[in-house]
Amino acid sequence: MEEPVFCDTSLLRVAYRSGGSEDGPPVLLLHGWPDDPTTFADVAPSLQAAGFRTFAPWLRGFGKTSFHSDETMRSGEIAAMAQDALDFADAIGLERFAVVGHDWGARIA
């Protein structure tokens, strides 16, 4: 399995996987609980083959995604996780993007 890449938001160091055409329309893939981005192992290649660029982050509390500070309050609220997704999109330079979610990821989306 490939190693994740990372980006930083104000609260998190986000581990994620990406693939597809660099200039393809971006799609953010949000996993559920207790899953991880491998949830999309069969979906991402199809999206990429159709010309999309996929980004699949590990949500807060999962995998190698971590908080910058031990002092940050931990929350699993959907609103907090939705803000994480928006912060992630900003950190990797996405202005417009589609969102696909599974389980908790669907609620976040």
N, C-alpha and C. Protein backbone atom coordinates (compact mmCIF):
# COMPACT_ATOMS: atom_id res chain seq x y z
N MET A 1 0.84 -1.18 0.00
CA MET A 1 0.00 0.00 0.00
C MET A 1 0.89 1.24 0.00
N GLU A 2 0.53 2.20 -0.81
CA GLU A 2 1.33 3.42 -0.92
C GLU A 2 1.25 4.26 0.35
N GLU A 3 2.32 4.97 0.63
CA GLU A 3 2.36 5.86 1.78
C GLU A 3 1.55 7.12 1.48
N PRO A 4 0.90 7.67 2.49
CA PRO A 4 0.14 8.91 2.27
C PRO A 4 1.08 10.11 2.10
N VAL A 5 0.53 11.16 1.52
CA VAL A 5 1.20 12.46 1.50
C VAL A 5 0.50 13.32 2.54
N PHE A 6 1.05 14.47 2.86
CA PHE A 6 0.51 15.28 3.95
C PHE A 6 0.36 16.74 3.53
N CYS A 7 -0.58 17.40 4.18
CA CYS A 7 -0.68 18.86 4.10
C CYS A 7 -1.08 19.34 5.49
N ASP A 8 -0.90 20.62 5.73
CA ASP A 8 -1.22 21.19 7.03
C ASP A 8 -2.35 22.20 6.92
N THR A 9 -3.29 22.08 7.86
CA THR A 9 -4.32 23.10 8.03
C THR A 9 -4.01 23.79 9.35
N SER A 10 -4.86 24.71 9.77
CA SER A 10 -4.58 25.41 11.03
C SER A 10 -4.60 24.46 12.23
N LEU A 11 -5.42 23.41 12.17
CA LEU A 11 -5.54 22.47 13.30
C LEU A 11 -4.84 21.14 13.09
N LEU A 12 -4.78 20.69 11.84
CA LEU A 12 -4.38 19.31 11.56
C LEU A 12 -3.21 19.18 10.59
N ARG A 13 -2.50 18.10 10.75
CA ARG A 13 -1.59 17.60 9.72
C ARG A 13 -2.37 16.45 9.09
N VAL A 14 -2.82 16.64 7.86
CA VAL A 14 -3.73 15.72 7.20
C VAL A 14 -2.97 14.77 6.28
N ALA A 15 -3.13 13.49 6.53
CA ALA A 15 -2.61 12.46 5.63
C ALA A 15 -3.67 12.21 4.56
N TYR A 16 -3.23 12.06 3.31
CA TYR A 16 -4.20 11.80 2.25
C TYR A 16 -3.55 11.08 1.08
N ARG A 17 -4.41 10.53 0.25
CA ARG A 17 -4.00 9.91 -1.01
C ARG A 17 -4.65 10.70 -2.13
N SER A 18 -3.95 10.81 -3.23
CA SER A 18 -4.54 11.47 -4.39
C SER A 18 -4.11 10.74 -5.65
N GLY A 19 -4.86 10.96 -6.71
CA GLY A 19 -4.52 10.33 -7.97
C GLY A 19 -5.36 10.90 -9.09
N GLY A 20 -4.97 10.56 -10.29
CA GLY A 20 -5.69 11.04 -11.46
C GLY A 20 -4.97 12.19 -12.13
N SER A 21 -5.57 12.68 -13.17
CA SER A 21 -5.00 13.76 -13.97
C SER A 21 -4.84 15.03 -13.14
N GLU A 22 -3.65 15.63 -13.21
CA GLU A 22 -3.38 16.86 -12.45
C GLU A 22 -4.38 17.96 -12.79
N ASP A 23 -4.87 17.99 -14.02
CA ASP A 23 -5.79 19.06 -14.41
C ASP A 23 -7.25 18.58 -14.46
N GLY A 24 -7.51 17.38 -13.93
CA GLY A 24 -8.88 16.86 -13.90
C GLY A 24 -9.72 17.56 -12.85
N PRO A 25 -11.03 17.56 -13.01
CA PRO A 25 -11.90 18.13 -11.99
C PRO A 25 -11.71 17.40 -10.66
N PRO A 26 -11.51 18.14 -9.57
CA PRO A 26 -11.23 17.50 -8.28
C PRO A 26 -12.47 16.91 -7.61
N VAL A 27 -12.25 15.77 -6.97
CA VAL A 27 -13.29 15.10 -6.19
C VAL A 27 -12.69 14.75 -4.82
N LEU A 28 -13.34 15.21 -3.78
CA LEU A 28 -12.92 14.92 -2.41
C LEU A 28 -13.69 13.69 -1.95
N LEU A 29 -12.97 12.65 -1.52
CA LEU A 29 -13.56 11.39 -1.09
C LEU A 29 -13.44 11.28 0.43
N LEU A 30 -14.57 11.27 1.12
CA LEU A 30 -14.58 11.28 2.59
C LEU A 30 -15.07 9.93 3.12
N HIS A 31 -14.22 9.25 3.86
CA HIS A 31 -14.54 7.92 4.38
C HIS A 31 -15.45 7.99 5.60
N GLY A 32 -15.91 6.83 6.01
CA GLY A 32 -16.78 6.72 7.18
C GLY A 32 -16.04 6.19 8.39
N TRP A 33 -16.82 5.78 9.38
CA TRP A 33 -16.28 5.25 10.62
C TRP A 33 -16.58 3.76 10.67
N PRO A 34 -15.66 2.95 10.97
CA PRO A 34 -14.26 3.19 11.35
C PRO A 34 -13.32 2.98 10.17
N ASP A 35 -13.65 3.47 9.02
CA ASP A 35 -12.91 3.21 7.79
C ASP A 35 -11.71 4.14 7.61
N ASP A 36 -11.21 4.14 6.40
CA ASP A 36 -10.13 5.04 6.00
C ASP A 36 -10.22 5.18 4.47
N PRO A 37 -9.31 5.90 3.84
CA PRO A 37 -9.42 6.11 2.39
C PRO A 37 -9.41 4.84 1.54
N THR A 38 -8.98 3.72 2.11
CA THR A 38 -9.03 2.49 1.31
C THR A 38 -10.47 2.07 1.00
N THR A 39 -11.44 2.69 1.68
CA THR A 39 -12.86 2.48 1.35
C THR A 39 -13.10 2.74 -0.13
N PHE A 40 -12.32 3.66 -0.69
CA PHE A 40 -12.53 4.08 -2.08
C PHE A 40 -11.58 3.38 -3.06
N ALA A 41 -10.96 2.27 -2.65
CA ALA A 41 -9.98 1.58 -3.49
C ALA A 41 -10.56 1.12 -4.83
N ASP A 42 -11.84 0.81 -4.85
CA ASP A 42 -12.47 0.39 -6.10
C ASP A 42 -13.11 1.54 -6.85
N VAL A 43 -13.44 2.61 -6.14
CA VAL A 43 -14.12 3.76 -6.75
C VAL A 43 -13.13 4.75 -7.36
N ALA A 44 -12.06 5.06 -6.63
CA ALA A 44 -11.11 6.07 -7.08
C ALA A 44 -10.54 5.77 -8.47
N PRO A 45 -10.12 4.54 -8.76
CA PRO A 45 -9.58 4.28 -10.11
C PRO A 45 -10.60 4.54 -11.22
N SER A 46 -11.87 4.26 -10.96
CA SER A 46 -12.91 4.53 -11.97
C SER A 46 -13.08 6.03 -12.18
N LEU A 47 -13.07 6.78 -11.09
CA LEU A 47 -13.16 8.24 -11.20
C LEU A 47 -11.95 8.80 -11.94
N GLN A 48 -10.78 8.29 -11.61
CA GLN A 48 -9.55 8.75 -12.26
C GLN A 48 -9.55 8.41 -13.75
N ALA A 49 -10.03 7.22 -14.09
CA ALA A 49 -10.11 6.81 -15.50
C ALA A 49 -11.08 7.69 -16.28
N ALA A 50 -12.07 8.25 -15.58
CA ALA A 50 -13.04 9.14 -16.21
C ALA A 50 -12.52 10.58 -16.28
N GLY A 51 -11.28 10.80 -15.82
CA GLY A 51 -10.66 12.12 -15.94
C GLY A 51 -10.63 12.96 -14.69
N PHE A 52 -11.15 12.43 -13.58
CA PHE A 52 -11.19 13.19 -12.33
C PHE A 52 -9.88 13.06 -11.57
N ARG A 53 -9.60 14.04 -10.74
CA ARG A 53 -8.47 14.01 -9.79
C ARG A 53 -9.09 13.75 -8.42
N THR A 54 -8.70 12.68 -7.75
CA THR A 54 -9.29 12.33 -6.47
C THR A 54 -8.36 12.67 -5.31
N PHE A 55 -8.97 13.06 -4.21
CA PHE A 55 -8.26 13.36 -2.97
C PHE A 55 -9.02 12.66 -1.84
N ALA A 56 -8.34 11.77 -1.13
CA ALA A 56 -8.98 10.98 -0.07
C ALA A 56 -8.19 11.16 1.23
N PRO A 57 -8.63 12.09 2.09
CA PRO A 57 -7.92 12.30 3.36
C PRO A 57 -8.37 11.33 4.44
N TRP A 58 -7.47 11.07 5.39
CA TRP A 58 -7.86 10.40 6.61
C TRP A 58 -8.51 11.48 7.47
N LEU A 59 -9.70 11.21 7.97
CA LEU A 59 -10.38 12.18 8.82
C LEU A 59 -9.69 12.29 10.17
N ARG A 60 -9.99 13.34 10.90
CA ARG A 60 -9.40 13.51 12.23
C ARG A 60 -9.63 12.27 13.07
N GLY A 61 -8.57 11.87 13.77
CA GLY A 61 -8.65 10.69 14.61
C GLY A 61 -8.36 9.38 13.89
N PHE A 62 -8.06 9.45 12.60
CA PHE A 62 -7.82 8.24 11.82
C PHE A 62 -6.43 8.28 11.19
N GLY A 63 -5.82 7.11 11.09
CA GLY A 63 -4.55 6.99 10.39
C GLY A 63 -3.50 7.94 10.92
N LYS A 64 -2.77 8.53 9.99
CA LYS A 64 -1.67 9.42 10.35
C LYS A 64 -2.09 10.89 10.41
N THR A 65 -3.38 11.19 10.23
CA THR A 65 -3.84 12.56 10.42
C THR A 65 -3.77 12.87 11.91
N SER A 66 -3.20 14.01 12.25
CA SER A 66 -3.00 14.35 13.66
C SER A 66 -3.21 15.83 13.91
N PHE A 67 -3.52 16.14 15.15
CA PHE A 67 -3.65 17.54 15.57
C PHE A 67 -2.26 18.13 15.76
N HIS A 68 -2.11 19.41 15.43
CA HIS A 68 -0.83 20.09 15.66
C HIS A 68 -0.56 20.26 17.15
N SER A 69 -1.62 20.49 17.92
CA SER A 69 -1.45 20.79 19.34
C SER A 69 -2.22 19.80 20.21
N ASP A 70 -1.59 19.38 21.29
CA ASP A 70 -2.28 18.54 22.27
C ASP A 70 -3.37 19.32 22.99
N GLU A 71 -3.31 20.63 22.91
CA GLU A 71 -4.28 21.50 23.60
C GLU A 71 -5.59 21.65 22.82
N THR A 72 -5.62 21.28 21.55
CA THR A 72 -6.83 21.42 20.74
C THR A 72 -7.89 20.45 21.22
N MET A 73 -9.11 20.98 21.43
CA MET A 73 -10.22 20.14 21.87
C MET A 73 -10.53 19.11 20.78
N ARG A 74 -10.70 17.88 21.18
CA ARG A 74 -11.06 16.80 20.24
C ARG A 74 -12.56 16.77 20.12
N SER A 75 -13.04 16.72 18.88
CA SER A 75 -14.47 16.69 18.64
C SER A 75 -14.74 15.83 17.42
N GLY A 76 -15.77 15.02 17.52
CA GLY A 76 -16.20 14.21 16.39
C GLY A 76 -17.48 14.76 15.79
N GLU A 77 -17.82 16.01 16.13
CA GLU A 77 -19.04 16.61 15.58
C GLU A 77 -18.92 16.76 14.07
N ILE A 78 -20.02 16.54 13.40
CA ILE A 78 -20.04 16.63 11.94
C ILE A 78 -19.61 18.02 11.48
N ALA A 79 -20.05 19.07 12.16
CA ALA A 79 -19.67 20.43 11.75
C ALA A 79 -18.16 20.63 11.83
N ALA A 80 -17.52 20.09 12.85
CA ALA A 80 -16.06 20.21 12.98
C ALA A 80 -15.37 19.45 11.86
N MET A 81 -15.88 18.28 11.54
CA MET A 81 -15.26 17.48 10.49
C MET A 81 -15.51 18.07 9.10
N ALA A 82 -16.67 18.71 8.92
CA ALA A 82 -16.94 19.41 7.67
C ALA A 82 -15.98 20.59 7.51
N GLN A 83 -15.70 21.29 8.61
CA GLN A 83 -14.73 22.39 8.55
C GLN A 83 -13.35 21.85 8.22
N ASP A 84 -13.01 20.68 8.77
CA ASP A 84 -11.74 20.04 8.42
C ASP A 84 -11.65 19.81 6.91
N ALA A 85 -12.74 19.34 6.31
CA ALA A 85 -12.75 19.06 4.87
C ALA A 85 -12.54 20.35 4.08
N LEU A 86 -13.20 21.42 4.50
CA LEU A 86 -13.01 22.71 3.82
C LEU A 86 -11.59 23.23 4.01
N ASP A 87 -11.06 23.09 5.22
CA ASP A 87 -9.68 23.52 5.49
C ASP A 87 -8.69 22.70 4.66
N PHE A 88 -8.95 21.41 4.54
CA PHE A 88 -8.11 20.54 3.72
C PHE A 88 -8.13 21.01 2.26
N ALA A 89 -9.33 21.26 1.73
CA ALA A 89 -9.45 21.73 0.35
C ALA A 89 -8.68 23.03 0.15
N ASP A 90 -8.79 23.95 1.10
CA ASP A 90 -8.03 25.20 1.02
C ASP A 90 -6.53 24.93 1.03
N ALA A 91 -6.09 24.03 1.91
CA ALA A 91 -4.66 23.74 2.06
C ALA A 91 -4.04 23.16 0.80
N ILE A 92 -4.82 22.39 0.04
CA ILE A 92 -4.27 21.81 -1.19
C ILE A 92 -4.64 22.63 -2.43
N GLY A 93 -5.28 23.78 -2.22
CA GLY A 93 -5.54 24.71 -3.30
C GLY A 93 -6.76 24.44 -4.15
N LEU A 94 -7.76 23.77 -3.58
CA LEU A 94 -8.99 23.52 -4.34
C LEU A 94 -9.98 24.66 -4.10
N GLU A 95 -10.44 25.27 -5.19
CA GLU A 95 -11.46 26.31 -5.07
C GLU A 95 -12.85 25.73 -5.24
N ARG A 96 -13.00 24.86 -6.22
CA ARG A 96 -14.28 24.18 -6.49
C ARG A 96 -13.99 22.70 -6.60
N PHE A 97 -14.89 21.89 -6.05
CA PHE A 97 -14.67 20.45 -6.07
C PHE A 97 -15.98 19.74 -5.78
N ALA A 98 -16.06 18.51 -6.24
CA ALA A 98 -17.19 17.64 -5.90
C ALA A 98 -16.81 16.88 -4.63
N VAL A 99 -17.83 16.38 -3.95
CA VAL A 99 -17.60 15.61 -2.72
C VAL A 99 -18.39 14.31 -2.78
N VAL A 100 -17.71 13.22 -2.44
CA VAL A 100 -18.34 11.91 -2.32
C VAL A 100 -18.05 11.42 -0.91
N GLY A 101 -19.09 11.01 -0.20
CA GLY A 101 -18.89 10.53 1.15
C GLY A 101 -19.55 9.18 1.39
N HIS A 102 -18.94 8.42 2.29
CA HIS A 102 -19.48 7.13 2.71
C HIS A 102 -19.69 7.16 4.22
N ASP A 103 -20.86 6.74 4.70
CA ASP A 103 -21.12 6.64 6.13
C ASP A 103 -20.97 8.03 6.75
N TRP A 104 -20.08 8.20 7.72
CA TRP A 104 -19.87 9.53 8.31
C TRP A 104 -19.47 10.53 7.24
N GLY A 105 -18.67 10.08 6.28
CA GLY A 105 -18.25 10.96 5.20
C GLY A 105 -19.43 11.52 4.43
N ALA A 106 -20.51 10.76 4.29
CA ALA A 106 -21.71 11.26 3.62
C ALA A 106 -22.35 12.39 4.42
N ARG A 107 -22.38 12.23 5.73
CA ARG A 107 -22.93 13.30 6.58
C ARG A 107 -22.06 14.55 6.53
N ILE A 108 -20.75 14.35 6.48
CA ILE A 108 -19.83 15.48 6.38
C ILE A 108 -20.04 16.19 5.04
N ALA A 109 -20.16 15.39 3.97
CA ALA A 109 -20.37 15.96 2.64
C ALA A 109 -21.66 16.76 2.59
